[in-house]
Amino acid sequence: MSPVTHTPDPGFDAEDLLDRMMGSEVLARRVVAAFLADTPLQLTALASALERASSQDARLIAHSLKGSAANVGGQQLSRVAAHVEKLGEAGDLAAVRQMLPTLTASFDALAPVLGEFCQQ
């Protein structure tokens, strides 16, 4: 028997996204496309900040991720990033390191849902 894996709920709220974009599906798709292109870079930057032991950079990157995820309706990713931001603010880089896989998994769960939204 293979192990059961749980994919986190991405917490995508398309209605919230469209509200933020004043009902413009074209604008929403552009914003989502930019988010999908930028977020992997942000996650890499966060890993680099951890390598440099920069809690300030980790906090700022997590803050940026929190806001951009919220802007595209990615509720779960935004919540995880907010937690990482607080850990960075507290200077708890060990805890930030422990949360990086959760942050990445939240993005990985959200990305295909956002990709599907862009295809509609």
Protein backbone atom coordinates (compact mmCIF):
# COMPACT_ATOMS: atom_id res chain seq x y z
CA MET A 1 0.00 0.00 0.00
CA SER A 2 1.38 3.40 -0.95
CA PRO A 3 1.42 6.20 1.59
CA VAL A 4 -1.40 8.70 1.46
CA THR A 5 -0.24 12.20 0.67
CA HIS A 6 -2.28 15.23 1.51
CA THR A 7 -2.32 18.18 -0.85
CA PRO A 8 -3.02 21.36 1.05
CA ASP A 9 -6.16 23.28 0.17
CA PRO A 10 -4.90 26.26 -1.83
CA GLY A 11 -7.62 28.50 -0.42
CA PHE A 12 -8.13 30.24 -3.76
CA ASP A 13 -10.95 32.78 -3.80
CA ALA A 14 -11.65 33.73 -7.42
CA GLU A 15 -14.47 36.06 -6.39
CA ASP A 16 -12.12 37.99 -4.12
CA LEU A 17 -9.57 38.21 -6.92
CA LEU A 18 -12.12 39.54 -9.40
CA ASP A 19 -13.39 42.03 -6.82
CA ARG A 20 -9.84 43.30 -6.32
CA MET A 21 -9.51 43.67 -10.10
CA MET A 22 -12.80 45.59 -10.35
CA GLY A 23 -14.37 42.69 -12.24
CA SER A 24 -11.75 42.67 -15.01
CA GLU A 25 -10.90 39.08 -15.89
CA VAL A 26 -8.18 40.30 -18.27
CA LEU A 27 -6.48 42.26 -15.48
CA ALA A 28 -6.91 39.35 -13.07
CA ARG A 29 -5.21 36.98 -15.50
CA ARG A 30 -2.30 39.41 -15.98
CA VAL A 31 -1.85 39.80 -12.24
CA VAL A 32 -2.01 36.02 -11.72
CA ALA A 33 0.52 35.43 -14.51
CA ALA A 34 2.92 37.90 -12.90
CA PHE A 35 2.39 36.24 -9.51
CA LEU A 36 3.08 32.79 -10.96
CA ALA A 37 6.30 34.04 -12.57
CA ASP A 38 7.53 36.01 -9.54
CA THR A 39 6.72 33.73 -6.62
CA PRO A 40 9.31 31.02 -7.40
CA LEU A 41 11.91 33.81 -7.50
CA GLN A 42 10.69 35.06 -4.13
CA LEU A 43 10.93 31.56 -2.65
CA THR A 44 14.49 31.28 -3.95
CA ALA A 45 15.29 34.70 -2.49
CA LEU A 46 13.89 33.56 0.86
CA ALA A 47 16.14 30.49 0.81
CA SER A 48 19.09 32.77 0.01
CA ALA A 49 18.18 35.06 2.90
CA LEU A 50 18.23 32.03 5.17
CA GLU A 51 21.66 31.03 3.85
CA ARG A 52 22.90 34.54 4.66
CA ALA A 53 21.17 34.39 8.06
CA SER A 54 19.31 37.60 7.28
CA SER A 55 16.13 37.67 9.33
CA GLN A 56 15.36 41.17 8.00
CA ASP A 57 15.46 39.98 4.38
CA ALA A 58 13.44 36.87 5.28
CA ARG A 59 10.81 39.08 6.92
CA LEU A 60 10.62 41.44 3.95
CA ILE A 61 10.34 38.62 1.42
CA ALA A 62 7.64 36.89 3.48
CA HIS A 63 5.81 40.22 3.75
CA SER A 64 5.91 40.60 -0.03
CA LEU A 65 4.67 37.03 -0.51
CA LYS A 66 1.87 37.61 1.98
CA GLY A 67 0.62 40.64 0.09
CA SER A 68 0.96 39.22 -3.39
CA ALA A 69 -0.77 35.98 -2.40
CA ALA A 70 -3.61 37.96 -0.84
CA ASN A 71 -3.89 40.06 -4.01
CA VAL A 72 -4.46 36.98 -6.16
CA GLY A 73 -6.89 35.38 -3.71
CA GLY A 74 -4.41 32.83 -2.33
CA GLN A 75 -5.69 32.83 1.24
CA GLN A 76 -3.69 29.85 2.54
CA LEU A 77 -0.38 30.99 1.07
CA SER A 78 -0.97 34.47 2.47
CA ARG A 79 -1.59 33.05 5.96
CA VAL A 80 1.56 30.90 5.85
CA ALA A 81 3.61 33.85 4.60
CA ALA A 82 2.22 36.03 7.40
CA HIS A 83 3.40 33.44 9.92
CA VAL A 84 6.84 33.32 8.29
CA GLU A 85 6.95 37.13 8.35
CA LYS A 86 6.36 37.12 12.11
CA LEU A 87 9.05 34.50 12.61
CA GLY A 88 11.47 36.61 10.58
CA GLU A 89 10.55 39.68 12.59
CA ALA A 90 11.32 37.73 15.76
CA GLY A 91 14.67 36.68 14.27
CA ASP A 92 13.75 32.99 14.50
CA LEU A 93 15.52 31.78 11.38
CA ALA A 94 15.38 28.15 12.50
CA ALA A 95 11.59 28.34 12.52
CA VAL A 96 11.59 30.14 9.16
CA ARG A 97 13.71 27.28 7.75
CA GLN A 98 11.20 24.79 9.11
CA MET A 99 8.32 26.71 7.50
CA LEU A 100 9.94 27.01 4.06
CA PRO A 101 8.64 23.59 2.88
CA THR A 102 5.13 24.53 4.06
CA LEU A 103 5.35 27.85 2.24
CA THR A 104 6.55 26.09 -0.91
CA ALA A 105 3.83 23.43 -0.63
CA SER A 106 1.19 26.15 -0.28
CA PHE A 107 2.44 27.79 -3.47
CA ASP A 108 2.67 24.42 -5.22
CA ALA A 109 -0.97 23.73 -4.32
CA LEU A 110 -2.11 27.18 -5.45
CA ALA A 111 -0.16 27.42 -8.72
CA PRO A 112 -2.17 24.86 -10.73
CA VAL A 113 -5.46 26.36 -9.54
CA LEU A 114 -4.29 29.80 -10.63
CA GLY A 115 -3.04 28.36 -13.91
CA GLU A 116 -6.47 26.88 -14.50
CA PHE A 117 -8.06 30.26 -13.72
CA CYS A 118 -5.85 31.84 -16.38
CA GLN A 119 -6.99 29.24 -18.92
CA GLN A 120 -10.70 29.98 -18.45
